[in-house]
């Protein structure tokens, strides 16, 4: 499995989607990231 790298702009966009009400499961599935990665980005 290859490691994806997201730019700061992409991370910001993903976190905005989460803040706007999109579920964690939807984000994890659509972007191919783990729940742990999403939580770490939120810190």
Protein backbone atom coordinates (compact mmCIF):
# COMPACT_ATOMS: atom_id res chain seq x y z
CA UNK A 1 0.00 0.00 0.00
CA UNK A 2 1.41 3.36 -0.95
CA UNK A 3 1.51 6.19 1.51
CA UNK A 4 -0.47 9.25 0.47
CA UNK A 5 0.68 12.67 1.44
CA UNK A 6 -1.83 15.45 1.74
CA UNK A 7 -0.95 19.12 1.41
CA UNK A 8 -1.86 21.57 4.16
CA UNK A 9 -4.67 22.88 1.94
CA UNK A 10 -6.09 19.41 1.43
CA UNK A 11 -5.99 18.67 5.16
CA UNK A 12 -7.70 21.97 5.89
CA UNK A 13 -10.40 21.19 3.34
CA UNK A 14 -11.02 17.74 4.81
CA UNK A 15 -11.28 19.17 8.33
CA UNK A 16 -13.73 21.83 7.11
CA UNK A 17 -15.92 19.07 5.69
CA UNK A 18 -15.86 17.40 9.11
CA UNK A 19 -16.77 20.69 10.82
CA UNK A 20 -19.65 21.13 8.37
CA UNK A 21 -21.20 17.86 9.52
CA UNK A 22 -19.78 15.16 7.28
CA UNK A 23 -19.30 11.96 9.27
CA UNK A 24 -15.90 10.54 10.14
CA UNK A 25 -16.76 7.28 8.38
CA UNK A 26 -17.58 9.09 5.14
CA UNK A 27 -14.33 11.06 5.23
CA UNK A 28 -12.23 8.01 6.07
CA UNK A 29 -13.74 6.02 3.22
CA UNK A 30 -13.67 8.75 0.58
CA UNK A 31 -10.10 9.94 1.23
CA UNK A 32 -8.55 6.60 2.16
CA UNK A 33 -7.24 7.76 5.53
CA UNK A 34 -7.47 6.14 8.94
CA UNK A 35 -9.56 7.43 11.81
CA UNK A 36 -6.34 7.96 13.77
CA UNK A 37 -4.96 10.20 11.03
CA UNK A 38 -8.11 12.29 11.02
CA UNK A 39 -8.02 12.69 14.80
CA UNK A 40 -4.32 13.62 14.70
CA UNK A 41 -5.00 16.30 12.08
CA UNK A 42 -7.65 17.80 14.35
CA UNK A 43 -5.11 18.45 17.12
